[in-house]
Amino acid sequence: MGRKISEISIDMRKLTICHWKRESSERKIGEIVNVSKSTLHNIISKYKKTKSVKTIPRTGRPRRFTGHEERWIVRKITCNPKTSAVKLTLKEQQRFNKSTNSETVCNVLRKYNFHGRVARRKPFLSKAHRRARLEFAKSYIKKPPKFWNSILFVDESKYNVFGSDGKQMLWRKPNSKLEMKNPTPSVKHGGGSQMV
């Protein structure tokens, strides 16, 4: 997407038309007002049609937020990604005194590549935990390859005795959820598991 070019001010347009009425050439007017020949041509042709230098109302729905307001919304969501669209809309209404819908705020966030997703569940890490992990990594970063050849990495796994912890998908017809082959069987004690 290219850089957005700002509009020529009304004063500049009036000056252009004033010089044009004096029968100055477009090249000469361009040197005076410092704009391109194509821009001058557009200003003059619009004046010939409308007899005015004012901006004609554009088609389509006008933007709800300015660039500044959109950046403010993005900054707020970057600082706290867990803010809901409804709360962000209320904050935006207080800040800019504009009545808007939360879906409009969602559209702005999607425009800047933010999407609603379920947050991953991860073990809580305090600042002390993070510091300790970083120190541990730094203490082993300069070890030679010979050292790593003598290291055995282990992990633990959980094996269920009965059933699965995850969701099981299946294909079935409507109103057949309780047919014998469709439900996932379960037991009252949970099925039991073994850590290895």
N, C-alpha and C. Protein backbone atom coordinates (compact mmCIF):
# COMPACT_ATOMS: atom_id res chain seq x y z
N MET A 1 0.84 -1.17 0.00
CA MET A 1 0.00 0.00 0.00
C MET A 1 0.89 1.23 0.00
N GLY A 2 0.65 2.13 -0.94
CA GLY A 2 1.47 3.32 -1.07
C GLY A 2 1.18 4.36 0.00
N ARG A 3 2.06 5.35 0.08
CA ARG A 3 1.89 6.42 1.06
C ARG A 3 0.72 7.30 0.65
N LYS A 4 -0.12 7.65 1.65
CA LYS A 4 -1.28 8.48 1.36
C LYS A 4 -0.82 9.93 1.20
N ILE A 5 -1.21 10.56 0.09
CA ILE A 5 -0.80 11.94 -0.19
C ILE A 5 -1.87 12.88 0.35
N SER A 6 -1.44 13.92 1.08
CA SER A 6 -2.39 14.85 1.68
C SER A 6 -3.03 15.71 0.59
N GLU A 7 -4.25 16.18 0.89
CA GLU A 7 -5.00 16.99 -0.06
C GLU A 7 -4.37 18.38 -0.21
N ILE A 8 -4.52 18.96 -1.40
CA ILE A 8 -4.09 20.35 -1.63
C ILE A 8 -5.07 21.25 -0.88
N SER A 9 -4.56 22.22 -0.14
CA SER A 9 -5.43 23.10 0.64
C SER A 9 -6.29 23.97 -0.28
N ILE A 10 -7.40 24.46 0.28
CA ILE A 10 -8.33 25.30 -0.49
C ILE A 10 -7.65 26.59 -0.91
N ASP A 11 -6.79 27.16 -0.05
CA ASP A 11 -6.06 28.39 -0.39
C ASP A 11 -5.17 28.19 -1.62
N MET A 12 -4.50 27.03 -1.66
CA MET A 12 -3.64 26.73 -2.82
C MET A 12 -4.47 26.58 -4.09
N ARG A 13 -5.65 25.94 -3.94
CA ARG A 13 -6.53 25.78 -5.10
C ARG A 13 -7.02 27.14 -5.60
N LYS A 14 -7.37 28.03 -4.65
CA LYS A 14 -7.83 29.38 -5.03
C LYS A 14 -6.73 30.14 -5.76
N LEU A 15 -5.50 30.00 -5.27
CA LEU A 15 -4.36 30.67 -5.90
C LEU A 15 -4.15 30.13 -7.32
N THR A 16 -4.28 28.81 -7.47
CA THR A 16 -4.14 28.18 -8.79
C THR A 16 -5.17 28.73 -9.77
N ILE A 17 -6.43 28.80 -9.34
CA ILE A 17 -7.52 29.30 -10.19
C ILE A 17 -7.32 30.78 -10.52
N CYS A 18 -6.83 31.53 -9.55
CA CYS A 18 -6.56 32.96 -9.76
C CYS A 18 -5.54 33.16 -10.88
N HIS A 19 -4.45 32.37 -10.84
CA HIS A 19 -3.42 32.44 -11.89
C HIS A 19 -3.96 31.94 -13.23
N TRP A 20 -4.81 30.91 -13.17
CA TRP A 20 -5.39 30.36 -14.40
C TRP A 20 -6.30 31.39 -15.09
N LYS A 21 -7.04 32.14 -14.27
CA LYS A 21 -7.93 33.18 -14.83
C LYS A 21 -7.13 34.31 -15.47
N ARG A 22 -5.92 34.51 -15.00
CA ARG A 22 -5.04 35.53 -15.60
C ARG A 22 -4.35 34.99 -16.86
N GLU A 23 -4.75 33.78 -17.24
CA GLU A 23 -4.26 33.11 -18.45
C GLU A 23 -2.77 32.76 -18.39
N SER A 24 -2.31 32.39 -17.19
CA SER A 24 -0.94 31.88 -17.04
C SER A 24 -0.92 30.42 -17.49
N SER A 25 0.22 29.97 -17.99
CA SER A 25 0.33 28.57 -18.44
C SER A 25 0.39 27.64 -17.21
N GLU A 26 0.01 26.38 -17.43
CA GLU A 26 0.01 25.41 -16.32
C GLU A 26 1.41 25.18 -15.79
N ARG A 27 2.40 25.23 -16.67
CA ARG A 27 3.79 25.06 -16.24
C ARG A 27 4.21 26.19 -15.30
N LYS A 28 3.83 27.42 -15.66
CA LYS A 28 4.19 28.59 -14.85
C LYS A 28 3.47 28.55 -13.50
N ILE A 29 2.18 28.16 -13.54
CA ILE A 29 1.41 28.05 -12.28
C ILE A 29 2.03 26.97 -11.39
N GLY A 30 2.45 25.86 -11.99
CA GLY A 30 3.08 24.77 -11.25
C GLY A 30 4.34 25.21 -10.54
N GLU A 31 5.14 26.08 -11.19
CA GLU A 31 6.35 26.61 -10.57
C GLU A 31 6.01 27.53 -9.39
N ILE A 32 4.91 28.28 -9.52
CA ILE A 32 4.52 29.22 -8.45
C ILE A 32 3.98 28.48 -7.23
N VAL A 33 3.02 27.59 -7.46
CA VAL A 33 2.38 26.90 -6.32
C VAL A 33 3.08 25.59 -5.93
N ASN A 34 4.06 25.15 -6.71
CA ASN A 34 4.88 23.98 -6.42
C ASN A 34 4.06 22.68 -6.35
N VAL A 35 3.25 22.44 -7.39
CA VAL A 35 2.53 21.17 -7.52
C VAL A 35 2.71 20.65 -8.95
N SER A 36 2.43 19.37 -9.14
CA SER A 36 2.65 18.76 -10.46
C SER A 36 1.61 19.25 -11.47
N LYS A 37 1.96 19.06 -12.74
CA LYS A 37 1.10 19.51 -13.84
C LYS A 37 -0.24 18.77 -13.83
N SER A 38 -0.19 17.46 -13.52
CA SER A 38 -1.43 16.65 -13.50
C SER A 38 -2.37 17.12 -12.38
N THR A 39 -1.81 17.49 -11.23
CA THR A 39 -2.62 17.99 -10.11
C THR A 39 -3.28 19.31 -10.50
N LEU A 40 -2.51 20.19 -11.14
CA LEU A 40 -3.05 21.48 -11.61
C LEU A 40 -4.18 21.26 -12.60
N HIS A 41 -3.97 20.33 -13.51
CA HIS A 41 -4.99 20.03 -14.53
C HIS A 41 -6.29 19.55 -13.87
N ASN A 42 -6.14 18.70 -12.82
CA ASN A 42 -7.32 18.20 -12.09
C ASN A 42 -8.06 19.33 -11.38
N ILE A 43 -7.32 20.24 -10.74
CA ILE A 43 -7.93 21.38 -10.03
C ILE A 43 -8.70 22.25 -11.00
N ILE A 44 -8.11 22.55 -12.15
CA ILE A 44 -8.73 23.43 -13.14
C ILE A 44 -9.97 22.76 -13.76
N SER A 45 -9.86 21.46 -14.10
CA SER A 45 -11.00 20.77 -14.71
C SER A 45 -12.17 20.65 -13.73
N LYS A 46 -11.88 20.44 -12.43
CA LYS A 46 -12.94 20.39 -11.43
C LYS A 46 -13.61 21.76 -11.28
N TYR A 47 -12.79 22.81 -11.35
CA TYR A 47 -13.35 24.17 -11.24
C TYR A 47 -14.26 24.48 -12.43
N LYS A 48 -13.86 24.03 -13.62
CA LYS A 48 -14.69 24.24 -14.82
C LYS A 48 -16.06 23.56 -14.68
N LYS A 49 -16.09 22.37 -14.05
CA LYS A 49 -17.34 21.63 -13.90
C LYS A 49 -18.22 22.20 -12.79
N THR A 50 -17.61 22.51 -11.63
CA THR A 50 -18.40 22.87 -10.44
C THR A 50 -18.40 24.37 -10.11
N LYS A 51 -17.50 25.13 -10.73
CA LYS A 51 -17.33 26.57 -10.44
C LYS A 51 -17.00 26.80 -8.95
N SER A 52 -16.31 25.83 -8.35
CA SER A 52 -15.92 25.94 -6.94
C SER A 52 -14.62 25.17 -6.72
N VAL A 53 -13.87 25.62 -5.71
CA VAL A 53 -12.62 24.91 -5.38
C VAL A 53 -12.78 24.04 -4.12
N LYS A 54 -13.99 24.03 -3.55
CA LYS A 54 -14.23 23.24 -2.34
C LYS A 54 -14.24 21.75 -2.68
N THR A 55 -13.93 20.93 -1.67
CA THR A 55 -13.90 19.48 -1.84
C THR A 55 -15.32 18.96 -2.01
N ILE A 56 -15.55 18.20 -3.07
CA ILE A 56 -16.87 17.63 -3.35
C ILE A 56 -17.07 16.44 -2.42
N PRO A 57 -18.27 16.28 -1.83
CA PRO A 57 -18.52 15.11 -0.97
C PRO A 57 -18.25 13.80 -1.72
N ARG A 58 -17.52 12.91 -1.09
CA ARG A 58 -17.15 11.65 -1.72
C ARG A 58 -18.25 10.60 -1.55
N THR A 59 -18.26 9.63 -2.46
CA THR A 59 -19.21 8.53 -2.35
C THR A 59 -18.73 7.55 -1.29
N GLY A 60 -19.64 6.72 -0.81
CA GLY A 60 -19.28 5.71 0.18
C GLY A 60 -19.37 6.25 1.60
N ARG A 61 -19.36 5.33 2.52
CA ARG A 61 -19.48 5.68 3.93
C ARG A 61 -18.17 6.27 4.43
N PRO A 62 -18.20 7.39 5.16
CA PRO A 62 -16.95 7.96 5.67
C PRO A 62 -16.34 7.09 6.77
N ARG A 63 -15.05 7.19 6.93
CA ARG A 63 -14.36 6.42 7.96
C ARG A 63 -14.83 6.84 9.34
N ARG A 64 -14.97 5.87 10.23
CA ARG A 64 -15.42 6.17 11.59
C ARG A 64 -14.26 6.72 12.42
N PHE A 65 -13.08 6.17 12.22
CA PHE A 65 -11.91 6.57 13.01
C PHE A 65 -10.86 7.21 12.11
N THR A 66 -10.19 8.20 12.66
CA THR A 66 -9.04 8.78 11.96
C THR A 66 -7.84 7.86 12.17
N GLY A 67 -6.75 8.11 11.46
CA GLY A 67 -5.53 7.31 11.62
C GLY A 67 -5.01 7.37 13.05
N HIS A 68 -5.09 8.57 13.66
CA HIS A 68 -4.63 8.76 15.05
C HIS A 68 -5.44 7.88 16.01
N GLU A 69 -6.77 7.86 15.82
CA GLU A 69 -7.64 7.08 16.71
C GLU A 69 -7.40 5.58 16.52
N GLU A 70 -7.18 5.16 15.28
CA GLU A 70 -6.88 3.74 15.03
C GLU A 70 -5.58 3.33 15.72
N ARG A 71 -4.57 4.19 15.64
CA ARG A 71 -3.28 3.87 16.29
C ARG A 71 -3.45 3.80 17.81
N TRP A 72 -4.32 4.64 18.37
CA TRP A 72 -4.58 4.62 19.82
C TRP A 72 -5.20 3.27 20.20
N ILE A 73 -6.16 2.78 19.40
CA ILE A 73 -6.80 1.49 19.66
C ILE A 73 -5.76 0.36 19.61
N VAL A 74 -4.90 0.40 18.61
CA VAL A 74 -3.86 -0.64 18.46
C VAL A 74 -2.88 -0.59 19.64
N ARG A 75 -2.53 0.63 20.08
CA ARG A 75 -1.62 0.77 21.23
C ARG A 75 -2.22 0.15 22.49
N LYS A 76 -3.53 0.41 22.70
CA LYS A 76 -4.20 -0.12 23.89
C LYS A 76 -4.22 -1.64 23.88
N ILE A 77 -4.48 -2.24 22.72
CA ILE A 77 -4.57 -3.70 22.64
C ILE A 77 -3.18 -4.32 22.69
N THR A 78 -2.15 -3.59 22.26
CA THR A 78 -0.78 -4.09 22.35
C THR A 78 -0.32 -4.12 23.81
N CYS A 79 -0.72 -3.08 24.58
CA CYS A 79 -0.37 -3.02 26.01
C CYS A 79 -1.08 -4.11 26.80
N ASN A 80 -2.35 -4.34 26.50
CA ASN A 80 -3.11 -5.37 27.22
C ASN A 80 -3.95 -6.18 26.23
N PRO A 81 -3.40 -7.27 25.70
CA PRO A 81 -4.10 -8.06 24.67
C PRO A 81 -5.39 -8.72 25.18
N LYS A 82 -5.57 -8.81 26.51
CA LYS A 82 -6.75 -9.49 27.05
C LYS A 82 -7.94 -8.54 27.23
N THR A 83 -7.82 -7.29 26.80
CA THR A 83 -8.94 -6.35 26.86
C THR A 83 -10.00 -6.78 25.85
N SER A 84 -11.25 -6.86 26.30
CA SER A 84 -12.32 -7.26 25.38
C SER A 84 -12.67 -6.09 24.46
N ALA A 85 -13.29 -6.41 23.32
CA ALA A 85 -13.68 -5.39 22.35
C ALA A 85 -14.69 -4.42 22.95
N VAL A 86 -15.58 -4.93 23.80
CA VAL A 86 -16.60 -4.08 24.43
C VAL A 86 -15.95 -3.06 25.37
N LYS A 87 -15.00 -3.52 26.20
CA LYS A 87 -14.30 -2.61 27.12
C LYS A 87 -13.47 -1.58 26.35
N LEU A 88 -12.83 -2.05 25.29
CA LEU A 88 -12.02 -1.14 24.46
C LEU A 88 -12.90 -0.10 23.79
N THR A 89 -14.10 -0.49 23.38
CA THR A 89 -15.05 0.45 22.77
C THR A 89 -15.48 1.52 23.77
N LEU A 90 -15.74 1.09 25.02
CA LEU A 90 -16.12 2.05 26.07
C LEU A 90 -15.00 3.04 26.34
N LYS A 91 -13.76 2.54 26.41
CA LYS A 91 -12.60 3.43 26.62
C LYS A 91 -12.46 4.42 25.47
N GLU A 92 -12.66 3.90 24.23
CA GLU A 92 -12.55 4.76 23.04
C GLU A 92 -13.64 5.84 23.05
N GLN A 93 -14.84 5.49 23.49
CA GLN A 93 -15.94 6.46 23.56
C GLN A 93 -15.64 7.57 24.57
N GLN A 94 -15.04 7.18 25.71
CA GLN A 94 -14.67 8.19 26.72
C GLN A 94 -13.54 9.08 26.22
N ARG A 95 -12.60 8.49 25.51
CA ARG A 95 -11.42 9.23 25.05
C ARG A 95 -11.75 10.20 23.91
N PHE A 96 -12.50 9.72 22.89
CA PHE A 96 -12.74 10.53 21.70
C PHE A 96 -14.17 11.05 21.57
N ASN A 97 -15.02 10.69 22.55
CA ASN A 97 -16.41 11.16 22.56
C ASN A 97 -17.14 10.80 21.26
N LYS A 98 -16.96 9.55 20.83
CA LYS A 98 -17.61 9.05 19.62
C LYS A 98 -18.43 7.83 19.97
N SER A 99 -19.66 7.78 19.51
CA SER A 99 -20.51 6.62 19.73
C SER A 99 -20.23 5.60 18.63
N THR A 100 -19.68 4.45 19.00
CA THR A 100 -19.33 3.42 18.02
C THR A 100 -19.76 2.05 18.49
N ASN A 101 -19.75 1.11 17.58
CA ASN A 101 -20.09 -0.28 17.85
C ASN A 101 -18.80 -1.06 18.11
N SER A 102 -18.88 -2.08 18.97
CA SER A 102 -17.68 -2.88 19.26
C SER A 102 -17.19 -3.61 18.01
N GLU A 103 -18.10 -3.92 17.07
CA GLU A 103 -17.69 -4.60 15.83
C GLU A 103 -16.80 -3.69 14.98
N THR A 104 -17.03 -2.37 15.05
CA THR A 104 -16.19 -1.42 14.32
C THR A 104 -14.77 -1.45 14.87
N VAL A 105 -14.66 -1.53 16.20
CA VAL A 105 -13.34 -1.63 16.84
C VAL A 105 -12.67 -2.94 16.43
N CYS A 106 -13.45 -4.02 16.38
CA CYS A 106 -12.91 -5.32 15.93
C CYS A 106 -12.38 -5.23 14.50
N ASN A 107 -13.11 -4.51 13.65
CA ASN A 107 -12.67 -4.34 12.26
C ASN A 107 -11.34 -3.61 12.18
N VAL A 108 -11.17 -2.60 13.04
CA VAL A 108 -9.90 -1.86 13.09
C VAL A 108 -8.77 -2.80 13.50
N LEU A 109 -9.02 -3.62 14.51
CA LEU A 109 -7.99 -4.55 14.99
C LEU A 109 -7.64 -5.59 13.92
N ARG A 110 -8.66 -6.07 13.20
CA ARG A 110 -8.40 -7.03 12.12
C ARG A 110 -7.59 -6.38 11.01
N LYS A 111 -7.86 -5.11 10.76
CA LYS A 111 -7.11 -4.37 9.73
C LYS A 111 -5.62 -4.35 10.06
N TYR A 112 -5.29 -4.27 11.36
CA TYR A 112 -3.89 -4.26 11.79
C TYR A 112 -3.41 -5.67 12.16
N ASN A 113 -4.12 -6.71 11.66
CA ASN A 113 -3.71 -8.11 11.79
C ASN A 113 -3.80 -8.65 13.22
N PHE A 114 -4.74 -8.16 14.01
CA PHE A 114 -5.05 -8.74 15.32
C PHE A 114 -6.31 -9.58 15.16
N HIS A 115 -6.30 -10.81 15.72
CA HIS A 115 -7.45 -11.70 15.60
C HIS A 115 -7.78 -12.30 16.95
N GLY A 116 -9.06 -12.49 17.23
CA GLY A 116 -9.48 -13.09 18.49
C GLY A 116 -9.13 -14.58 18.52
N ARG A 117 -8.42 -15.00 19.53
CA ARG A 117 -8.03 -16.40 19.68
C ARG A 117 -8.14 -16.81 21.14
N VAL A 118 -8.26 -18.10 21.39
CA VAL A 118 -8.26 -18.60 22.76
C VAL A 118 -6.82 -18.59 23.27
N ALA A 119 -6.61 -18.03 24.47
CA ALA A 119 -5.26 -17.96 25.03
C ALA A 119 -4.79 -19.36 25.41
N ARG A 120 -3.54 -19.67 25.11
CA ARG A 120 -2.96 -20.97 25.49
C ARG A 120 -2.79 -21.04 27.01
N ARG A 121 -3.03 -22.21 27.58
CA ARG A 121 -2.81 -22.40 29.01
C ARG A 121 -1.38 -22.88 29.22
N LYS A 122 -0.63 -22.12 30.00
CA LYS A 122 0.77 -22.46 30.28
C LYS A 122 1.03 -22.30 31.77
N PRO A 123 2.00 -23.04 32.33
CA PRO A 123 2.31 -22.89 33.75
C PRO A 123 2.74 -21.45 34.07
N PHE A 124 2.31 -20.97 35.24
CA PHE A 124 2.64 -19.61 35.65
C PHE A 124 4.14 -19.47 35.89
N LEU A 125 4.73 -18.44 35.32
CA LEU A 125 6.15 -18.15 35.53
C LEU A 125 6.29 -16.76 36.16
N SER A 126 6.81 -16.72 37.39
CA SER A 126 7.04 -15.42 38.04
C SER A 126 8.35 -14.83 37.51
N LYS A 127 8.66 -13.61 37.92
CA LYS A 127 9.92 -12.97 37.49
C LYS A 127 11.12 -13.76 38.00
N ALA A 128 11.00 -14.33 39.21
CA ALA A 128 12.09 -15.13 39.78
C ALA A 128 12.32 -16.40 38.94
N HIS A 129 11.21 -17.03 38.51
CA HIS A 129 11.33 -18.23 37.66
C HIS A 129 12.04 -17.90 36.35
N ARG A 130 11.63 -16.79 35.74
CA ARG A 130 12.23 -16.39 34.45
C ARG A 130 13.71 -16.11 34.60
N ARG A 131 14.04 -15.41 35.72
CA ARG A 131 15.46 -15.09 35.97
C ARG A 131 16.28 -16.35 36.14
N ALA A 132 15.73 -17.31 36.92
CA ALA A 132 16.44 -18.57 37.17
C ALA A 132 16.62 -19.37 35.88
N ARG A 133 15.60 -19.38 35.02
CA ARG A 133 15.70 -20.10 33.74
C ARG A 133 16.75 -19.48 32.83
N LEU A 134 16.80 -18.14 32.83
CA LEU A 134 17.78 -17.44 31.99
C LEU A 134 19.20 -17.73 32.49
N GLU A 135 19.38 -17.70 33.80
CA GLU A 135 20.70 -18.00 34.37
C GLU A 135 21.13 -19.43 34.06
N PHE A 136 20.18 -20.36 34.13
CA PHE A 136 20.47 -21.76 33.82
C PHE A 136 20.92 -21.89 32.36
N ALA A 137 20.20 -21.22 31.44
CA ALA A 137 20.55 -21.29 30.02
C ALA A 137 21.92 -20.67 29.77
N LYS A 138 22.22 -19.54 30.43
CA LYS A 138 23.51 -18.86 30.24
C LYS A 138 24.67 -19.71 30.76
N SER A 139 24.43 -20.45 31.82
CA SER A 139 25.51 -21.26 32.40
C SER A 139 25.92 -22.43 31.48
N TYR A 140 25.00 -22.86 30.59
CA TYR A 140 25.29 -23.99 29.70
C TYR A 140 25.54 -23.59 28.25
N ILE A 141 25.48 -22.30 27.95
CA ILE A 141 25.54 -21.89 26.54
C ILE A 141 26.93 -22.10 25.91
N LYS A 142 27.99 -22.06 26.73
CA LYS A 142 29.35 -22.17 26.17
C LYS A 142 29.96 -23.56 26.35
N LYS A 143 29.14 -24.52 26.68
CA LYS A 143 29.65 -25.89 26.84
C LYS A 143 30.03 -26.46 25.48
N PRO A 144 31.12 -27.25 25.38
CA PRO A 144 31.55 -27.81 24.08
C PRO A 144 30.62 -28.95 23.63
N PRO A 145 30.65 -29.30 22.34
CA PRO A 145 29.80 -30.40 21.82
C PRO A 145 30.05 -31.73 22.54
N LYS A 146 31.28 -31.94 23.01
CA LYS A 146 31.63 -33.20 23.71
C LYS A 146 30.77 -33.34 24.98
N PHE A 147 30.54 -32.23 25.66
CA PHE A 147 29.71 -32.23 26.87
C PHE A 147 28.29 -32.67 26.54
N TRP A 148 27.72 -32.15 25.44
CA TRP A 148 26.33 -32.45 25.08
C TRP A 148 26.16 -33.89 24.60
N ASN A 149 27.25 -34.51 24.11
CA ASN A 149 27.18 -35.91 23.71
C ASN A 149 26.98 -36.84 24.90
N SER A 150 27.35 -36.38 26.09
CA SER A 150 27.24 -37.22 27.28
C SER A 150 25.94 -36.94 28.05
N ILE A 151 25.08 -36.09 27.53
CA ILE A 151 23.83 -35.72 28.22
C ILE A 151 22.68 -36.57 27.68
N LEU A 152 21.84 -37.05 28.57
CA LEU A 152 20.64 -37.80 28.19
C LEU A 152 19.42 -36.96 28.58
N PHE A 153 18.61 -36.60 27.60
CA PHE A 153 17.41 -35.82 27.86
C PHE A 153 16.24 -36.76 28.10
N VAL A 154 15.51 -36.55 29.18
CA VAL A 154 14.36 -37.40 29.50
C VAL A 154 13.11 -36.54 29.70
N ASP A 155 11.98 -37.16 29.53
CA ASP A 155 10.71 -36.47 29.73
C ASP A 155 9.72 -37.50 30.27
N GLU A 156 8.60 -37.02 30.81
CA GLU A 156 7.61 -37.96 31.31
C GLU A 156 6.37 -37.93 30.43
N SER A 157 5.69 -39.05 30.35
CA SER A 157 4.46 -39.16 29.58
C SER A 157 3.38 -39.82 30.41
N LYS A 158 2.14 -39.41 30.16
CA LYS A 158 1.01 -40.00 30.87
C LYS A 158 0.26 -40.91 29.90
N TYR A 159 0.02 -42.15 30.33
CA TYR A 159 -0.72 -43.11 29.53
C TYR A 159 -2.02 -43.43 30.24
N ASN A 160 -3.13 -43.26 29.52
CA ASN A 160 -4.44 -43.56 30.11
C ASN A 160 -4.72 -45.06 30.01
N VAL A 161 -5.26 -45.62 31.10
CA VAL A 161 -5.64 -47.02 31.11
C VAL A 161 -6.93 -47.21 30.33
N PHE A 162 -7.85 -46.23 30.45
CA PHE A 162 -9.14 -46.33 29.76
C PHE A 162 -9.49 -44.96 29.18
N GLY A 163 -9.78 -44.89 27.90
CA GLY A 163 -10.25 -43.64 27.28
C GLY A 163 -9.13 -42.66 26.98
N SER A 164 -9.57 -41.46 26.58
CA SER A 164 -8.62 -40.41 26.16
C SER A 164 -8.99 -39.10 26.84
N ASP A 165 -7.99 -38.24 27.08
CA ASP A 165 -8.24 -36.92 27.67
C ASP A 165 -8.74 -35.92 26.63
N GLY A 166 -8.41 -36.18 25.36
CA GLY A 166 -8.74 -35.22 24.31
C GLY A 166 -10.16 -35.41 23.77
N LYS A 167 -10.54 -34.51 22.86
CA LYS A 167 -11.84 -34.63 22.20
C LYS A 167 -11.73 -35.65 21.08
N GLN A 168 -12.75 -36.45 20.92
CA GLN A 168 -12.76 -37.43 19.83
C GLN A 168 -13.85 -37.02 18.85
N MET A 169 -13.45 -36.79 17.61
CA MET A 169 -14.40 -36.38 16.57
C MET A 169 -14.96 -37.61 15.88
N LEU A 170 -16.18 -37.50 15.38
CA LEU A 170 -16.76 -38.59 14.60
C LEU A 170 -17.76 -38.03 13.60
N TRP A 171 -18.07 -38.85 12.59
CA TRP A 171 -19.08 -38.49 11.59
C TRP A 171 -20.35 -39.26 11.94
N ARG A 172 -21.48 -38.56 12.06
CA ARG A 172 -22.73 -39.25 12.33
C ARG A 172 -23.89 -38.50 11.70
N LYS A 173 -25.01 -39.17 11.54
CA LYS A 173 -26.21 -38.55 10.99
C LYS A 173 -26.97 -37.83 12.10
N PRO A 174 -27.86 -36.91 11.74
CA PRO A 174 -28.67 -36.23 12.77
C PRO A 174 -29.48 -37.23 13.59
N ASN A 175 -29.67 -36.92 14.88
CA ASN A 175 -30.46 -37.72 15.83
C ASN A 175 -29.92 -39.13 16.03
N SER A 176 -28.59 -39.30 15.85
CA SER A 176 -28.01 -40.64 16.06
C SER A 176 -26.89 -40.59 17.11
N LYS A 177 -26.92 -39.54 17.95
CA LYS A 177 -25.82 -39.39 18.91
C LYS A 177 -25.78 -40.49 19.97
N LEU A 178 -26.92 -41.13 20.25
CA LEU A 178 -26.95 -42.15 21.29
C LEU A 178 -26.96 -43.57 20.75
N GLU A 179 -26.76 -43.74 19.45
CA GLU A 179 -26.63 -45.09 18.90
C GLU A 179 -25.37 -45.74 19.48
N MET A 180 -25.38 -47.04 19.62
CA MET A 180 -24.35 -47.77 20.38
C MET A 180 -22.92 -47.44 19.95
N LYS A 181 -22.69 -47.24 18.65
CA LYS A 181 -21.32 -47.05 18.15
C LYS A 181 -20.85 -45.60 18.27
N ASN A 182 -21.75 -44.64 18.56
CA ASN A 182 -21.38 -43.22 18.51
C ASN A 182 -20.83 -42.62 19.81
N PRO A 183 -21.38 -42.89 20.99
CA PRO A 183 -20.83 -42.25 22.20
C PRO A 183 -19.43 -42.74 22.53
N THR A 184 -18.65 -41.89 23.20
CA THR A 184 -17.34 -42.29 23.71
C THR A 184 -17.57 -42.86 25.11
N PRO A 185 -17.22 -44.13 25.35
CA PRO A 185 -17.49 -44.71 26.68
C PRO A 185 -16.61 -44.09 27.77
N SER A 186 -17.17 -43.99 28.97
CA SER A 186 -16.40 -43.48 30.12
C SER A 186 -16.73 -44.29 31.35
N VAL A 187 -15.86 -44.26 32.36
CA VAL A 187 -16.09 -44.99 33.62
C VAL A 187 -16.06 -44.00 34.77
N LYS A 188 -16.71 -44.34 35.89
CA LYS A 188 -16.90 -43.38 36.99
C LYS A 188 -15.59 -42.99 37.67
N HIS A 189 -14.64 -43.90 37.73
CA HIS A 189 -13.39 -43.57 38.44
C HIS A 189 -12.43 -42.77 37.55
N GLY A 190 -12.84 -42.44 36.31
CA GLY A 190 -12.02 -41.63 35.45
C GLY A 190 -11.17 -42.44 34.48
N GLY A 191 -10.98 -43.73 34.73
CA GLY A 191 -10.24 -44.57 33.80
C GLY A 191 -8.84 -44.89 34.29
N GLY A 192 -8.27 -44.03 35.10
CA GLY A 192 -6.91 -44.26 35.61
C GLY A 192 -5.84 -43.97 34.58
N SER A 193 -4.65 -43.66 35.07
CA SER A 193 -3.53 -43.36 34.16
C SER A 193 -2.22 -43.76 34.83
N GLN A 194 -1.18 -43.86 34.01
CA GLN A 194 0.15 -44.23 34.50
C GLN A 194 1.19 -43.27 33.97
N MET A 195 2.01 -42.72 34.85
CA MET A 195 3.10 -41.80 34.42
C MET A 195 4.37 -42.64 34.17
N VAL A 196 5.02 -42.38 33.05
CA VAL A 196 6.25 -43.11 32.69
C VAL A 196 7.35 -42.10 32.40
